[in-house]
Amino acid sequence: MSTAASRQIRPAGSAGFHLNRRGRFLFVGIPVLVLAVLAAAAAVFFGLNGMAPAAASDERPVGTVRSVTVDYGDTLWTIAGRSAPEASRNETILRIGELNSLDGADLQPGQVLFVPTAG
């Protein structure tokens, strides 16, 4: 009779598995912490933690630009000298190349180029 009386009858479906506070932290808290650390590492790795300020970008200000039609005998050197005489010609030539997506220095008469203006 003592064996039957010592047994407790449990309702169907109860497993007898209960988590205390420490167990809930192990099964819920630690995975959440791991995911938070992984998300922060991914943000740092992929650069999502903030963009560089606009002043730190490598792009030059657009400034004023005008269009010029290439004549016979014109070169990037002469066009750069006419469009921005007080600026460095090499920098002006590079800027003309950027503005017009030029692959080389070959120009065709009648070609229209965008050039930076002086000022």
Protein backbone atom coordinates (compact mmCIF):
# COMPACT_ATOMS: atom_id res chain seq x y z
CA MET A 1 0.00 0.00 0.00
CA SER A 2 2.86 2.38 0.55
CA THR A 3 4.00 2.06 -3.08
CA ALA A 4 0.59 2.89 -4.45
CA ALA A 5 0.10 5.71 -2.02
CA SER A 6 3.52 7.23 -2.72
CA ARG A 7 2.85 7.46 -6.41
CA GLN A 8 1.34 10.71 -7.51
CA ILE A 9 -1.09 10.69 -10.33
CA ARG A 10 -0.32 13.37 -12.91
CA PRO A 11 -2.76 14.65 -15.44
CA ALA A 12 -2.24 13.55 -19.04
CA GLY A 13 0.13 15.77 -21.00
CA SER A 14 2.19 17.08 -18.10
CA ALA A 15 5.82 16.16 -18.65
CA GLY A 16 7.09 17.12 -15.27
CA PHE A 17 9.68 19.47 -16.81
CA HIS A 18 9.72 22.92 -15.22
CA LEU A 19 12.24 25.70 -15.81
CA ASN A 20 13.31 27.89 -12.99
CA ARG A 21 14.69 31.38 -13.46
CA ARG A 22 18.20 30.18 -14.32
CA GLY A 23 16.86 27.65 -16.83
CA ARG A 24 14.76 30.25 -18.61
CA PHE A 25 17.85 32.45 -18.90
CA LEU A 26 19.82 29.57 -20.40
CA PHE A 27 17.20 28.69 -23.01
CA VAL A 28 15.98 32.20 -23.83
CA GLY A 29 18.44 34.82 -22.63
CA ILE A 30 21.69 33.40 -23.98
CA PRO A 31 20.40 32.87 -27.55
CA VAL A 32 19.04 36.43 -27.54
CA LEU A 33 22.40 37.76 -26.37
CA VAL A 34 24.24 35.75 -29.03
CA LEU A 35 21.94 37.08 -31.76
CA ALA A 36 22.43 40.65 -30.54
CA VAL A 37 26.21 40.27 -30.65
CA LEU A 38 26.05 38.74 -34.15
CA ALA A 39 23.81 41.57 -35.37
CA ALA A 40 26.21 44.19 -33.98
CA ALA A 41 29.20 42.43 -35.58
CA ALA A 42 27.38 42.25 -38.92
CA ALA A 43 26.51 45.95 -38.71
CA VAL A 44 30.15 46.86 -38.10
CA PHE A 45 31.41 44.48 -40.78
CA PHE A 46 28.99 45.68 -43.47
CA GLY A 47 29.25 49.35 -42.51
CA LEU A 48 25.65 49.76 -41.40
CA ASN A 49 26.63 51.60 -38.24
CA GLY A 50 26.55 54.99 -39.95
CA MET A 51 27.48 56.71 -43.16
CA ALA A 52 30.43 59.01 -43.60
CA PRO A 53 29.57 62.68 -43.41
CA ALA A 54 29.09 64.47 -46.72
CA ALA A 55 32.17 66.62 -46.18
CA ALA A 56 34.38 63.53 -45.93
CA SER A 57 33.35 62.12 -49.31
CA ASP A 58 35.83 61.99 -52.17
CA GLU A 59 33.47 63.66 -54.63
CA ARG A 60 34.30 67.15 -55.72
CA PRO A 61 31.64 69.83 -55.75
CA VAL A 62 29.92 70.11 -59.10
CA GLY A 63 30.46 73.85 -59.59
CA THR A 64 29.40 75.49 -62.82
CA VAL A 65 29.59 73.58 -66.07
CA ARG A 66 29.03 74.64 -69.66
CA SER A 67 29.06 72.82 -72.96
CA VAL A 68 31.74 73.28 -75.63
CA THR A 69 31.78 71.99 -79.21
CA VAL A 70 35.13 70.52 -80.28
CA ASP A 71 36.70 72.23 -83.32
CA TYR A 72 39.34 70.84 -85.69
CA GLY A 73 42.70 70.68 -83.94
CA ASP A 74 41.28 71.00 -80.42
CA THR A 75 42.83 68.90 -77.69
CA LEU A 76 41.85 68.40 -74.07
CA TRP A 77 44.82 70.60 -73.16
CA THR A 78 43.59 73.57 -75.21
CA ILE A 79 39.96 73.14 -74.14
CA ALA A 80 41.03 72.98 -70.47
CA GLY A 81 43.09 76.15 -70.92
CA ARG A 82 40.16 78.03 -72.46
CA SER A 83 37.51 76.83 -70.00
CA ALA A 84 39.43 77.43 -66.74
CA PRO A 85 42.62 79.41 -67.47
CA GLU A 86 43.62 80.02 -63.84
CA ALA A 87 43.08 76.39 -62.73
CA SER A 88 45.57 73.58 -63.11
CA ARG A 89 45.20 72.18 -66.61
CA ASN A 90 45.85 68.62 -65.50
CA GLU A 91 43.07 68.80 -62.91
CA THR A 92 40.74 70.45 -65.42
CA ILE A 93 41.47 67.71 -67.97
CA LEU A 94 40.68 65.05 -65.35
CA ARG A 95 37.45 66.86 -64.50
CA ILE A 96 36.47 67.07 -68.19
CA GLY A 97 37.11 63.33 -68.48
CA GLU A 98 34.89 62.67 -65.43
CA LEU A 99 32.09 64.92 -66.66
CA ASN A 100 32.01 63.28 -70.10
CA SER A 101 32.99 59.69 -69.19
CA LEU A 102 35.94 59.84 -71.59
CA ASP A 103 38.06 56.71 -72.01
CA GLY A 104 40.97 58.49 -73.64
CA ALA A 105 42.10 61.80 -75.11
CA ASP A 106 40.68 61.27 -78.61
CA LEU A 107 38.25 64.00 -79.58
CA GLN A 108 36.15 64.32 -82.73
CA PRO A 109 35.27 67.65 -84.37
CA GLY A 110 31.65 68.49 -83.60
CA GLN A 111 31.70 66.51 -80.34
CA VAL A 112 30.00 68.31 -77.46
CA LEU A 113 31.83 68.26 -74.14
CA PHE A 114 30.82 69.49 -70.70
CA VAL A 115 33.64 71.54 -69.17
CA PRO A 116 34.04 73.20 -65.78
CA THR A 117 34.10 76.97 -65.93
CA ALA A 118 36.49 79.29 -64.19
CA GLY A 119 35.41 80.67 -60.89
